[in-house]
Amino acid sequence: MNWTTITEDEARLHPLYGFAGWLWAVYAVEVLGIALTLEGVITVVRDYGLNPITNPSFGIVWLHLALNLPFLLMAPMKARLMPVVSIACYWVGIAISLGSFGTMPGPLMNVSILARVAFWVAWGVVFTLYLLRSRRVNVTYLHRVGPNDPMAASPAQA
């Protein structure tokens, strides 16, 4: 899409500006993902007695959780770099997770983990496309509008 840059003040006046709409749903999925990841840690600790702090196998889990934090922190703050940083961190986390499968001990490598990773890869595609194409994300974070938006023809752009 051919985006037109608008000023930060114009963006704030735009009806799509803000942390709202589908952005809440995307945020909720990310929070749910962290909750499910922590639930998985608790299950492994309970069922196999592994220590999540000292066992190196959990390092990938903690790293993956840390890589989700930029989106969770930057989105409500309306930080300009949120879309780029969030997409990069998300896919780095997925790549590291996929790369670590050969090193995981038996108890951590099971169908449940594989199903979760498959879901998170599919979600990553949705997440990325949403952050790149959403009109709300573009107005709020990148201060730009689509070519058919009334603000695209504002005098400030002439």
N, C-alpha and C. Protein backbone atom coordinates (compact mmCIF):
# COMPACT_ATOMS: atom_id res chain seq x y z
N MET A 1 0.85 -1.18 0.00
CA MET A 1 0.00 0.00 0.00
C MET A 1 0.89 1.23 0.00
N ASN A 2 0.44 2.25 -0.67
CA ASN A 2 1.16 3.52 -0.69
C ASN A 2 0.70 4.37 0.49
N TRP A 3 1.49 4.39 1.53
CA TRP A 3 1.14 5.14 2.72
C TRP A 3 1.58 6.59 2.58
N THR A 4 0.81 7.47 3.19
CA THR A 4 1.15 8.90 3.24
C THR A 4 1.48 9.26 4.67
N THR A 5 2.64 9.84 4.88
CA THR A 5 3.07 10.23 6.22
C THR A 5 2.27 11.45 6.69
N ILE A 6 1.86 11.40 7.94
CA ILE A 6 1.18 12.53 8.56
C ILE A 6 1.95 12.91 9.82
N THR A 7 1.68 14.07 10.35
CA THR A 7 2.38 14.49 11.56
C THR A 7 1.84 13.72 12.77
N GLU A 8 2.58 13.75 13.84
CA GLU A 8 2.13 13.09 15.07
C GLU A 8 0.83 13.72 15.56
N ASP A 9 0.71 15.03 15.45
CA ASP A 9 -0.51 15.71 15.87
C ASP A 9 -1.70 15.28 15.01
N GLU A 10 -1.48 15.16 13.70
CA GLU A 10 -2.56 14.69 12.82
C GLU A 10 -2.94 13.25 13.17
N ALA A 11 -1.94 12.44 13.45
CA ALA A 11 -2.22 11.05 13.83
C ALA A 11 -3.08 10.99 15.08
N ARG A 12 -2.77 11.81 16.06
CA ARG A 12 -3.55 11.81 17.31
C ARG A 12 -4.99 12.23 17.09
N LEU A 13 -5.25 13.02 16.06
CA LEU A 13 -6.61 13.46 15.76
C LEU A 13 -7.38 12.44 14.91
N HIS A 14 -6.68 11.49 14.36
CA HIS A 14 -7.31 10.50 13.48
C HIS A 14 -8.20 9.57 14.30
N PRO A 15 -9.37 9.20 13.77
CA PRO A 15 -10.28 8.31 14.51
C PRO A 15 -9.70 6.93 14.80
N LEU A 16 -8.71 6.49 14.02
CA LEU A 16 -8.11 5.18 14.27
C LEU A 16 -6.92 5.22 15.22
N TYR A 17 -6.55 6.39 15.67
CA TYR A 17 -5.40 6.50 16.56
C TYR A 17 -5.72 5.87 17.91
N GLY A 18 -4.78 5.10 18.41
CA GLY A 18 -4.91 4.59 19.78
C GLY A 18 -4.78 3.09 19.88
N PHE A 19 -4.67 2.66 21.09
CA PHE A 19 -4.56 1.24 21.42
C PHE A 19 -5.98 0.73 21.63
N ALA A 20 -6.60 0.25 20.55
CA ALA A 20 -8.00 -0.16 20.59
C ALA A 20 -8.26 -1.14 19.45
N GLY A 21 -9.51 -1.49 19.28
CA GLY A 21 -9.92 -2.36 18.18
C GLY A 21 -9.25 -3.72 18.21
N TRP A 22 -8.87 -4.19 17.01
CA TRP A 22 -8.24 -5.50 16.89
C TRP A 22 -6.90 -5.57 17.60
N LEU A 23 -6.31 -4.42 17.87
CA LEU A 23 -5.04 -4.41 18.59
C LEU A 23 -5.19 -5.04 19.97
N TRP A 24 -6.36 -4.83 20.59
CA TRP A 24 -6.63 -5.48 21.87
C TRP A 24 -6.65 -7.00 21.72
N ALA A 25 -7.26 -7.49 20.64
CA ALA A 25 -7.32 -8.94 20.43
C ALA A 25 -5.93 -9.52 20.21
N VAL A 26 -5.10 -8.83 19.43
CA VAL A 26 -3.73 -9.28 19.21
C VAL A 26 -2.96 -9.28 20.53
N TYR A 27 -3.16 -8.25 21.30
CA TYR A 27 -2.52 -8.15 22.61
C TYR A 27 -2.96 -9.31 23.52
N ALA A 28 -4.25 -9.60 23.50
CA ALA A 28 -4.79 -10.69 24.33
C ALA A 28 -4.18 -12.03 23.93
N VAL A 29 -4.01 -12.27 22.64
CA VAL A 29 -3.39 -13.53 22.19
C VAL A 29 -1.96 -13.62 22.70
N GLU A 30 -1.23 -12.52 22.66
CA GLU A 30 0.14 -12.52 23.16
C GLU A 30 0.19 -12.79 24.67
N VAL A 31 -0.72 -12.18 25.41
CA VAL A 31 -0.78 -12.43 26.86
C VAL A 31 -1.15 -13.89 27.12
N LEU A 32 -2.12 -14.40 26.36
CA LEU A 32 -2.51 -15.81 26.49
C LEU A 32 -1.33 -16.72 26.16
N GLY A 33 -0.55 -16.34 25.16
CA GLY A 33 0.63 -17.13 24.81
C GLY A 33 1.63 -17.22 25.95
N ILE A 34 1.84 -16.11 26.62
CA ILE A 34 2.74 -16.13 27.77
C ILE A 34 2.16 -17.00 28.88
N ALA A 35 0.87 -16.89 29.11
CA ALA A 35 0.22 -17.70 30.15
C ALA A 35 0.34 -19.19 29.81
N LEU A 36 0.13 -19.55 28.56
CA LEU A 36 0.25 -20.96 28.16
C LEU A 36 1.69 -21.46 28.26
N THR A 37 2.63 -20.60 27.93
CA THR A 37 4.04 -20.98 28.06
C THR A 37 4.39 -21.23 29.52
N LEU A 38 3.96 -20.34 30.39
CA LEU A 38 4.22 -20.53 31.82
C LEU A 38 3.50 -21.77 32.35
N GLU A 39 2.31 -22.03 31.84
CA GLU A 39 1.58 -23.25 32.23
C GLU A 39 2.38 -24.47 31.81
N GLY A 40 2.98 -24.41 30.61
CA GLY A 40 3.82 -25.53 30.15
C GLY A 40 5.03 -25.73 31.04
N VAL A 41 5.63 -24.64 31.48
CA VAL A 41 6.78 -24.74 32.40
C VAL A 41 6.34 -25.41 33.69
N ILE A 42 5.22 -24.97 34.23
CA ILE A 42 4.71 -25.55 35.49
C ILE A 42 4.43 -27.04 35.32
N THR A 43 3.85 -27.43 34.18
CA THR A 43 3.55 -28.84 33.92
C THR A 43 4.83 -29.67 33.87
N VAL A 44 5.84 -29.17 33.15
CA VAL A 44 7.10 -29.91 33.05
C VAL A 44 7.77 -30.02 34.41
N VAL A 45 7.76 -28.94 35.16
CA VAL A 45 8.36 -28.96 36.50
C VAL A 45 7.63 -29.99 37.38
N ARG A 46 6.31 -29.96 37.31
CA ARG A 46 5.50 -30.88 38.13
C ARG A 46 5.71 -32.33 37.71
N ASP A 47 5.65 -32.60 36.39
CA ASP A 47 5.68 -33.98 35.90
C ASP A 47 7.08 -34.58 35.85
N TYR A 48 8.12 -33.74 35.64
CA TYR A 48 9.46 -34.29 35.45
C TYR A 48 10.46 -33.81 36.48
N GLY A 49 10.05 -32.90 37.33
CA GLY A 49 10.92 -32.44 38.40
C GLY A 49 12.12 -31.61 37.95
N LEU A 50 12.05 -31.05 36.78
CA LEU A 50 13.17 -30.22 36.31
C LEU A 50 13.08 -28.84 36.94
N ASN A 51 14.23 -28.28 37.27
CA ASN A 51 14.26 -26.95 37.86
C ASN A 51 14.27 -25.90 36.75
N PRO A 52 13.23 -25.05 36.66
CA PRO A 52 13.16 -24.09 35.56
C PRO A 52 14.18 -22.95 35.64
N ILE A 53 14.83 -22.82 36.78
CA ILE A 53 15.84 -21.76 36.92
C ILE A 53 17.23 -22.28 36.57
N THR A 54 17.57 -23.47 37.01
CA THR A 54 18.93 -23.98 36.81
C THR A 54 19.06 -24.90 35.60
N ASN A 55 17.98 -25.47 35.11
CA ASN A 55 18.06 -26.39 33.97
C ASN A 55 18.21 -25.58 32.69
N PRO A 56 19.28 -25.82 31.94
CA PRO A 56 19.51 -25.02 30.73
C PRO A 56 18.43 -25.20 29.66
N SER A 57 17.68 -26.29 29.71
CA SER A 57 16.63 -26.52 28.73
C SER A 57 15.55 -25.46 28.79
N PHE A 58 15.40 -24.82 29.92
CA PHE A 58 14.39 -23.78 30.06
C PHE A 58 14.87 -22.42 29.55
N GLY A 59 16.16 -22.31 29.25
CA GLY A 59 16.69 -21.04 28.76
C GLY A 59 15.95 -20.54 27.54
N ILE A 60 15.61 -21.46 26.64
CA ILE A 60 14.89 -21.06 25.43
C ILE A 60 13.50 -20.53 25.77
N VAL A 61 12.89 -21.10 26.78
CA VAL A 61 11.56 -20.63 27.20
C VAL A 61 11.65 -19.21 27.72
N TRP A 62 12.61 -18.96 28.59
CA TRP A 62 12.75 -17.63 29.17
C TRP A 62 13.14 -16.61 28.10
N LEU A 63 13.99 -17.03 27.16
CA LEU A 63 14.37 -16.13 26.07
C LEU A 63 13.15 -15.80 25.20
N HIS A 64 12.37 -16.81 24.87
CA HIS A 64 11.18 -16.60 24.06
C HIS A 64 10.20 -15.65 24.76
N LEU A 65 10.04 -15.84 26.05
CA LEU A 65 9.16 -14.93 26.80
C LEU A 65 9.71 -13.51 26.79
N ALA A 66 11.01 -13.38 26.96
CA ALA A 66 11.62 -12.04 26.95
C ALA A 66 11.45 -11.37 25.59
N LEU A 67 11.47 -12.15 24.52
CA LEU A 67 11.33 -11.58 23.19
C LEU A 67 9.89 -11.16 22.88
N ASN A 68 8.93 -11.60 23.69
CA ASN A 68 7.55 -11.14 23.54
C ASN A 68 7.31 -9.84 24.31
N LEU A 69 8.19 -9.52 25.22
CA LEU A 69 7.99 -8.32 26.04
C LEU A 69 7.98 -7.00 25.26
N PRO A 70 8.80 -6.83 24.23
CA PRO A 70 8.74 -5.55 23.52
C PRO A 70 7.33 -5.20 23.04
N PHE A 71 6.63 -6.17 22.45
CA PHE A 71 5.27 -5.88 22.00
C PHE A 71 4.37 -5.55 23.19
N LEU A 72 4.45 -6.35 24.24
CA LEU A 72 3.58 -6.15 25.39
C LEU A 72 3.83 -4.82 26.08
N LEU A 73 5.05 -4.34 26.05
CA LEU A 73 5.37 -3.06 26.69
C LEU A 73 5.19 -1.87 25.74
N MET A 74 5.61 -2.03 24.50
CA MET A 74 5.61 -0.92 23.56
C MET A 74 4.23 -0.61 22.98
N ALA A 75 3.39 -1.62 22.83
CA ALA A 75 2.07 -1.39 22.21
C ALA A 75 1.22 -0.41 23.02
N PRO A 76 1.02 -0.62 24.31
CA PRO A 76 0.20 0.35 25.06
C PRO A 76 0.85 1.73 25.17
N MET A 77 2.19 1.78 25.08
CA MET A 77 2.90 3.06 25.18
C MET A 77 2.88 3.83 23.85
N LYS A 78 2.39 3.18 22.80
CA LYS A 78 2.34 3.77 21.45
C LYS A 78 3.74 4.17 20.95
N ALA A 79 4.71 3.34 21.24
CA ALA A 79 6.09 3.59 20.82
C ALA A 79 6.22 3.44 19.31
N ARG A 80 6.85 4.39 18.67
CA ARG A 80 6.96 4.42 17.21
C ARG A 80 7.60 3.15 16.63
N LEU A 81 8.57 2.59 17.32
CA LEU A 81 9.28 1.42 16.80
C LEU A 81 8.58 0.09 17.09
N MET A 82 7.44 0.14 17.76
CA MET A 82 6.77 -1.10 18.16
C MET A 82 6.59 -2.10 17.02
N PRO A 83 6.04 -1.72 15.87
CA PRO A 83 5.81 -2.75 14.84
C PRO A 83 7.09 -3.45 14.39
N VAL A 84 8.12 -2.70 14.10
CA VAL A 84 9.38 -3.28 13.61
C VAL A 84 10.05 -4.13 14.68
N VAL A 85 10.16 -3.58 15.87
CA VAL A 85 10.82 -4.30 16.97
C VAL A 85 10.03 -5.56 17.32
N SER A 86 8.73 -5.46 17.39
CA SER A 86 7.90 -6.61 17.76
C SER A 86 7.98 -7.74 16.74
N ILE A 87 7.93 -7.38 15.46
CA ILE A 87 8.03 -8.41 14.41
C ILE A 87 9.41 -9.08 14.46
N ALA A 88 10.45 -8.28 14.57
CA ALA A 88 11.81 -8.85 14.62
C ALA A 88 11.98 -9.76 15.83
N CYS A 89 11.57 -9.30 16.99
CA CYS A 89 11.70 -10.11 18.21
C CYS A 89 10.88 -11.40 18.11
N TYR A 90 9.68 -11.29 17.58
CA TYR A 90 8.82 -12.47 17.47
C TYR A 90 9.49 -13.55 16.63
N TRP A 91 9.99 -13.17 15.44
CA TRP A 91 10.58 -14.16 14.55
C TRP A 91 11.94 -14.64 15.02
N VAL A 92 12.68 -13.83 15.73
CA VAL A 92 13.93 -14.30 16.33
C VAL A 92 13.59 -15.38 17.37
N GLY A 93 12.56 -15.13 18.17
CA GLY A 93 12.12 -16.13 19.16
C GLY A 93 11.69 -17.43 18.52
N ILE A 94 10.94 -17.34 17.44
CA ILE A 94 10.50 -18.56 16.74
C ILE A 94 11.71 -19.29 16.16
N ALA A 95 12.62 -18.56 15.53
CA ALA A 95 13.80 -19.19 14.94
C ALA A 95 14.65 -19.89 15.99
N ILE A 96 14.83 -19.25 17.13
CA ILE A 96 15.61 -19.86 18.21
C ILE A 96 14.89 -21.09 18.74
N SER A 97 13.58 -20.98 18.90
CA SER A 97 12.80 -22.13 19.37
C SER A 97 12.92 -23.31 18.41
N LEU A 98 12.76 -23.05 17.12
CA LEU A 98 12.88 -24.13 16.14
C LEU A 98 14.29 -24.70 16.11
N GLY A 99 15.28 -23.85 16.25
CA GLY A 99 16.66 -24.30 16.23
C GLY A 99 17.06 -25.10 17.45
N SER A 100 16.31 -24.96 18.52
CA SER A 100 16.68 -25.64 19.77
C SER A 100 16.05 -27.02 19.90
N PHE A 101 15.19 -27.41 18.99
CA PHE A 101 14.50 -28.69 19.14
C PHE A 101 15.43 -29.88 19.25
N GLY A 102 16.50 -29.89 18.49
CA GLY A 102 17.42 -31.02 18.54
C GLY A 102 18.17 -31.13 19.84
N THR A 103 18.19 -30.09 20.65
CA THR A 103 18.94 -30.11 21.90
C THR A 103 18.06 -30.36 23.12
N MET A 104 16.74 -30.43 22.92
CA MET A 104 15.84 -30.59 24.07
C MET A 104 15.85 -32.04 24.57
N PRO A 105 15.87 -32.23 25.89
CA PRO A 105 15.78 -33.58 26.42
C PRO A 105 14.38 -34.14 26.20
N GLY A 106 14.27 -35.45 26.22
CA GLY A 106 13.00 -36.15 25.97
C GLY A 106 11.77 -35.57 26.65
N PRO A 107 11.82 -35.31 27.96
CA PRO A 107 10.60 -34.81 28.62
C PRO A 107 10.08 -33.49 28.05
N LEU A 108 10.98 -32.68 27.51
CA LEU A 108 10.54 -31.39 26.98
C LEU A 108 10.09 -31.48 25.53
N MET A 109 10.47 -32.54 24.84
CA MET A 109 10.14 -32.69 23.43
C MET A 109 8.97 -33.65 23.29
N ASN A 110 7.80 -33.11 23.09
CA ASN A 110 6.64 -33.97 22.94
C ASN A 110 5.65 -33.34 21.95
N VAL A 111 4.57 -34.05 21.68
CA VAL A 111 3.58 -33.59 20.71
C VAL A 111 2.97 -32.27 21.15
N SER A 112 2.76 -32.08 22.44
CA SER A 112 2.19 -30.84 22.93
C SER A 112 3.06 -29.65 22.57
N ILE A 113 4.36 -29.81 22.73
CA ILE A 113 5.29 -28.73 22.40
C ILE A 113 5.27 -28.47 20.89
N LEU A 114 5.27 -29.53 20.10
CA LEU A 114 5.25 -29.36 18.65
C LEU A 114 3.97 -28.67 18.19
N ALA A 115 2.85 -29.02 18.79
CA ALA A 115 1.57 -28.39 18.44
C ALA A 115 1.60 -26.90 18.80
N ARG A 116 2.17 -26.59 19.94
CA ARG A 116 2.26 -25.19 20.35
C ARG A 116 3.14 -24.39 19.40
N VAL A 117 4.26 -24.97 19.02
CA VAL A 117 5.16 -24.27 18.11
C VAL A 117 4.48 -24.08 16.75
N ALA A 118 3.78 -25.08 16.27
CA ALA A 118 3.06 -24.94 15.00
C ALA A 118 2.04 -23.81 15.09
N PHE A 119 1.33 -23.75 16.21
CA PHE A 119 0.37 -22.66 16.40
C PHE A 119 1.07 -21.32 16.40
N TRP A 120 2.21 -21.20 17.12
CA TRP A 120 2.89 -19.91 17.23
C TRP A 120 3.52 -19.48 15.91
N VAL A 121 3.91 -20.44 15.07
CA VAL A 121 4.40 -20.07 13.74
C VAL A 121 3.24 -19.51 12.92
N ALA A 122 2.09 -20.19 12.95
CA ALA A 122 0.91 -19.69 12.22
C ALA A 122 0.48 -18.34 12.77
N TRP A 123 0.48 -18.22 14.10
CA TRP A 123 0.11 -16.94 14.70
C TRP A 123 1.11 -15.86 14.30
N GLY A 124 2.38 -16.21 14.19
CA GLY A 124 3.40 -15.23 13.79
C GLY A 124 3.12 -14.63 12.43
N VAL A 125 2.59 -15.43 11.52
CA VAL A 125 2.22 -14.91 10.20
C VAL A 125 1.09 -13.90 10.35
N VAL A 126 0.06 -14.26 11.12
CA VAL A 126 -1.07 -13.35 11.35
C VAL A 126 -0.58 -12.08 12.06
N PHE A 127 0.21 -12.24 13.09
CA PHE A 127 0.76 -11.13 13.88
C PHE A 127 1.53 -10.17 12.98
N THR A 128 2.41 -10.72 12.15
CA THR A 128 3.23 -9.91 11.25
C THR A 128 2.37 -9.16 10.24
N LEU A 129 1.46 -9.87 9.60
CA LEU A 129 0.59 -9.22 8.61
C LEU A 129 -0.26 -8.13 9.25
N TYR A 130 -0.75 -8.40 10.45
CA TYR A 130 -1.56 -7.39 11.13
C TYR A 130 -0.72 -6.13 11.41
N LEU A 131 0.45 -6.31 11.97
CA LEU A 131 1.27 -5.14 12.30
C LEU A 131 1.73 -4.38 11.06
N LEU A 132 1.88 -5.06 9.95
CA LEU A 132 2.31 -4.38 8.72
C LEU A 132 1.16 -3.70 7.98
N ARG A 133 -0.03 -4.29 8.04
CA ARG A 133 -1.13 -3.81 7.20
C ARG A 133 -2.24 -3.08 7.92
N SER A 134 -2.31 -3.18 9.22
CA SER A 134 -3.39 -2.56 9.97
C SER A 134 -3.38 -1.04 9.83
N ARG A 135 -4.53 -0.50 9.50
CA ARG A 135 -4.64 0.96 9.41
C ARG A 135 -4.40 1.58 10.78
N ARG A 136 -4.96 0.96 11.84
CA ARG A 136 -4.78 1.49 13.19
C ARG A 136 -3.31 1.50 13.58
N VAL A 137 -2.60 0.42 13.33
CA VAL A 137 -1.17 0.35 13.66
C VAL A 137 -0.40 1.41 12.88
N ASN A 138 -0.72 1.57 11.61
CA ASN A 138 -0.01 2.56 10.79
C ASN A 138 -0.28 3.98 11.27
N VAL A 139 -1.52 4.29 11.64
CA VAL A 139 -1.83 5.63 12.14
C VAL A 139 -1.17 5.86 13.49
N THR A 140 -1.36 4.93 14.41
CA THR A 140 -0.92 5.12 15.79
C THR A 140 0.60 5.10 15.94
N TYR A 141 1.25 4.13 15.33
CA TYR A 141 2.68 3.93 15.58
C TYR A 141 3.57 4.55 14.50
N LEU A 142 3.14 4.48 13.26
CA LEU A 142 3.99 4.94 12.16
C LEU A 142 3.57 6.30 11.61
N HIS A 143 2.46 6.82 12.11
CA HIS A 143 1.95 8.13 11.69
C HIS A 143 1.83 8.23 10.18
N ARG A 144 1.08 7.31 9.62
CA ARG A 144 0.83 7.34 8.19
C ARG A 144 -0.56 6.78 7.91
N VAL A 145 -1.12 7.19 6.79
CA VAL A 145 -2.47 6.79 6.41
C VAL A 145 -2.46 6.26 4.98
N GLY A 146 -3.51 5.53 4.65
CA GLY A 146 -3.64 5.00 3.30
C GLY A 146 -3.99 6.09 2.30
N PRO A 147 -3.87 5.78 1.02
CA PRO A 147 -4.09 6.80 -0.01
C PRO A 147 -5.53 7.31 -0.08
N ASN A 148 -6.50 6.56 0.36
CA ASN A 148 -7.90 6.99 0.31
C ASN A 148 -8.35 7.67 1.59
N ASP A 149 -7.48 7.80 2.55
CA ASP A 149 -7.83 8.45 3.82
C ASP A 149 -7.91 9.95 3.60
N PRO A 150 -8.94 10.61 4.17
CA PRO A 150 -9.05 12.07 4.00
C PRO A 150 -7.81 12.82 4.46
N MET A 151 -7.10 12.30 5.45
CA MET A 151 -5.89 13.01 5.92
C MET A 151 -4.73 12.89 4.93
N ALA A 152 -4.84 11.98 3.98
CA ALA A 152 -3.77 11.83 2.98
C ALA A 152 -3.70 13.04 2.07
N ALA A 153 -4.80 13.75 1.97
CA ALA A 153 -4.85 14.93 1.10
C ALA A 153 -4.80 16.23 1.89
N SER A 154 -4.35 16.16 3.16
CA SER A 154 -4.34 17.36 3.98
C SER A 154 -3.32 18.36 3.46
N PRO A 155 -3.53 19.64 3.72
CA PRO A 155 -2.61 20.68 3.23
C PRO A 155 -1.18 20.48 3.71
N ALA A 156 -0.99 19.83 4.86
CA ALA A 156 0.37 19.63 5.40
C ALA A 156 1.19 18.74 4.47
N GLN A 157 0.52 17.94 3.64
CA GLN A 157 1.23 17.01 2.77
C GLN A 157 1.52 17.62 1.40
N ALA A 158 0.96 18.76 1.11
CA ALA A 158 1.13 19.34 -0.24
C ALA A 158 2.47 20.00 -0.41
